[in-house]
C-alpha cells in the first residue's frame, strides 16, 4: 500500500523479490496479485539493478532481514547507481545500511 501512495512516480513494471526477482505490472500490485518464492536475498536485487546500468536509482522496500554478498556490495558501491532503502516497521537496518545510500523508516501503523 505504501508504494501506491507514490504511484505517479512508479514505472509500469514493478520488481518484487524474495530470493529471485518477479516482474509484475502496477495494476497487479494494486490488485494484490503478487508472487513470492519466500525467503529474502538482497543478492538477486543488487544483481538485477547492476544489470541495468541505465538506471541511476532504485528504491527497495524490505524488513531488512537478509544478507548481501560482499563482492556484490563492492560492485554496487563502485557503480554510479544508488539504492534507497525503505524499512518496514520493526525491520532491521544492519545489512541495508551497508549498501543503501539512505534509509527511511516506515511508521508503525498501530
Protein backbone atom coordinates (compact mmCIF):
# COMPACT_ATOMS: atom_id res chain seq x y z
CA UNK A 1 0.00 0.00 0.00
CA UNK A 2 2.78 2.44 0.77
CA UNK A 3 4.14 2.06 -2.79
CA UNK A 4 0.79 3.04 -4.24
CA UNK A 5 0.94 6.38 -2.43
CA UNK A 6 3.76 7.21 -4.88
CA UNK A 7 2.04 5.73 -7.92
CA UNK A 8 2.71 8.75 -10.14
CA UNK A 9 6.47 8.20 -9.68
CA UNK A 10 6.47 4.45 -10.33
CA UNK A 11 7.32 2.70 -13.56
CA UNK A 12 4.74 0.34 -15.04
CA UNK A 13 6.95 -2.65 -14.19
CA UNK A 14 7.43 -3.35 -10.50
CA UNK A 15 10.10 -5.78 -9.34
CA UNK A 16 9.28 -7.92 -6.34
CA UNK A 17 11.88 -10.05 -4.65
CA UNK A 18 12.29 -12.81 -2.16
CA UNK A 19 15.18 -14.96 -3.35
CA UNK A 20 14.53 -14.19 -7.01
CA UNK A 21 13.10 -11.25 -8.92
CA UNK A 22 9.48 -11.32 -10.10
CA UNK A 23 8.25 -8.64 -12.51
CA UNK A 24 4.64 -7.54 -12.21
CA UNK A 25 2.62 -4.68 -13.62
CA UNK A 26 1.47 -1.82 -11.43
CA UNK A 27 -2.15 -2.92 -11.91
CA UNK A 28 -1.35 -6.36 -10.49
CA UNK A 29 0.27 -4.76 -7.45
CA UNK A 30 -2.89 -2.71 -6.90
CA UNK A 31 -4.98 -5.87 -7.14
CA UNK A 32 -2.74 -7.69 -4.68
CA UNK A 33 -1.80 -10.28 -7.31
CA UNK A 34 1.82 -10.83 -6.25
CA UNK A 35 4.11 -13.85 -6.37
CA UNK A 36 6.82 -14.85 -3.93
CA UNK A 37 9.37 -17.61 -3.65
CA UNK A 38 9.66 -16.81 0.07
CA UNK A 39 12.91 -16.19 1.87
CA UNK A 40 14.79 -12.95 1.30
CA UNK A 41 18.01 -12.37 -0.57
CA UNK A 42 19.48 -8.97 -1.41
CA UNK A 43 21.92 -10.61 -3.86
CA UNK A 44 19.21 -11.00 -6.51
CA UNK A 45 18.14 -7.37 -6.05
CA UNK A 46 21.63 -5.94 -6.42
CA UNK A 47 22.45 -8.21 -9.40
CA UNK A 48 19.21 -7.18 -11.12
CA UNK A 49 19.99 -3.50 -10.54
CA UNK A 50 23.61 -3.74 -11.70
CA UNK A 51 22.48 -5.45 -14.92
CA UNK A 52 20.63 -2.21 -15.75
CA UNK A 53 23.32 0.49 -15.81
CA UNK A 54 20.83 2.90 -17.42
CA UNK A 55 19.03 3.02 -14.03
CA UNK A 56 20.54 5.57 -11.68
CA UNK A 57 18.48 4.90 -8.60
CA UNK A 58 16.27 2.20 -7.14
CA UNK A 59 14.09 2.11 -4.05
CA UNK A 60 13.96 -1.13 -2.11
CA UNK A 61 11.21 -1.86 0.42
CA UNK A 62 12.17 -4.56 2.91
CA UNK A 63 12.12 -5.71 6.51
CA UNK A 64 15.91 -5.88 6.18
CA UNK A 65 16.28 -9.48 7.27
CA UNK A 66 18.59 -10.72 4.52
CA UNK A 67 22.22 -10.84 3.57
CA UNK A 68 24.29 -9.47 0.72
CA UNK A 69 27.39 -10.99 -0.84
CA UNK A 70 30.45 -8.83 -0.17
CA UNK A 71 31.54 -8.83 -3.83
CA UNK A 72 28.10 -7.58 -4.95
CA UNK A 73 28.16 -4.86 -2.30
CA UNK A 74 31.55 -3.71 -3.59
CA UNK A 75 30.33 -3.73 -7.21
CA UNK A 76 27.32 -1.61 -6.26
CA UNK A 77 29.48 0.83 -4.33
CA UNK A 78 31.83 1.15 -7.33
CA UNK A 79 28.95 1.78 -9.73
CA UNK A 80 27.28 5.12 -10.30
CA UNK A 81 23.98 3.60 -9.15
CA UNK A 82 22.28 4.32 -5.85
CA UNK A 83 19.85 2.29 -3.77
CA UNK A 84 17.47 3.93 -1.34
CA UNK A 85 16.05 1.72 1.41
CA UNK A 86 12.59 1.86 2.94
CA UNK A 87 12.46 -0.26 6.05
CA UNK A 88 9.19 -1.72 7.31
CA UNK A 89 8.19 -1.24 10.95
CA UNK A 90 10.31 -3.31 13.34
CA UNK A 91 12.67 -4.01 10.44
CA UNK A 92 16.41 -4.44 10.80
CA UNK A 93 18.72 -1.99 9.04
CA UNK A 94 22.10 -3.63 9.76
CA UNK A 95 22.64 -5.06 6.26
CA UNK A 96 20.75 -2.38 4.33
CA UNK A 97 22.89 0.42 5.75
CA UNK A 98 25.90 -1.29 4.14
CA UNK A 99 24.59 -0.79 0.60
CA UNK A 100 21.82 1.82 0.69
CA UNK A 101 22.74 5.48 0.29
CA UNK A 102 19.83 6.43 2.54
CA UNK A 103 17.28 4.51 4.62
CA UNK A 104 13.79 5.67 5.50
CA UNK A 105 11.76 4.01 8.25
CA UNK A 106 8.06 3.40 7.70
CA UNK A 107 5.96 4.33 10.73
CA UNK A 108 4.22 1.61 12.70
CA UNK A 109 0.53 1.52 11.81
CA UNK A 110 -0.57 0.89 15.39
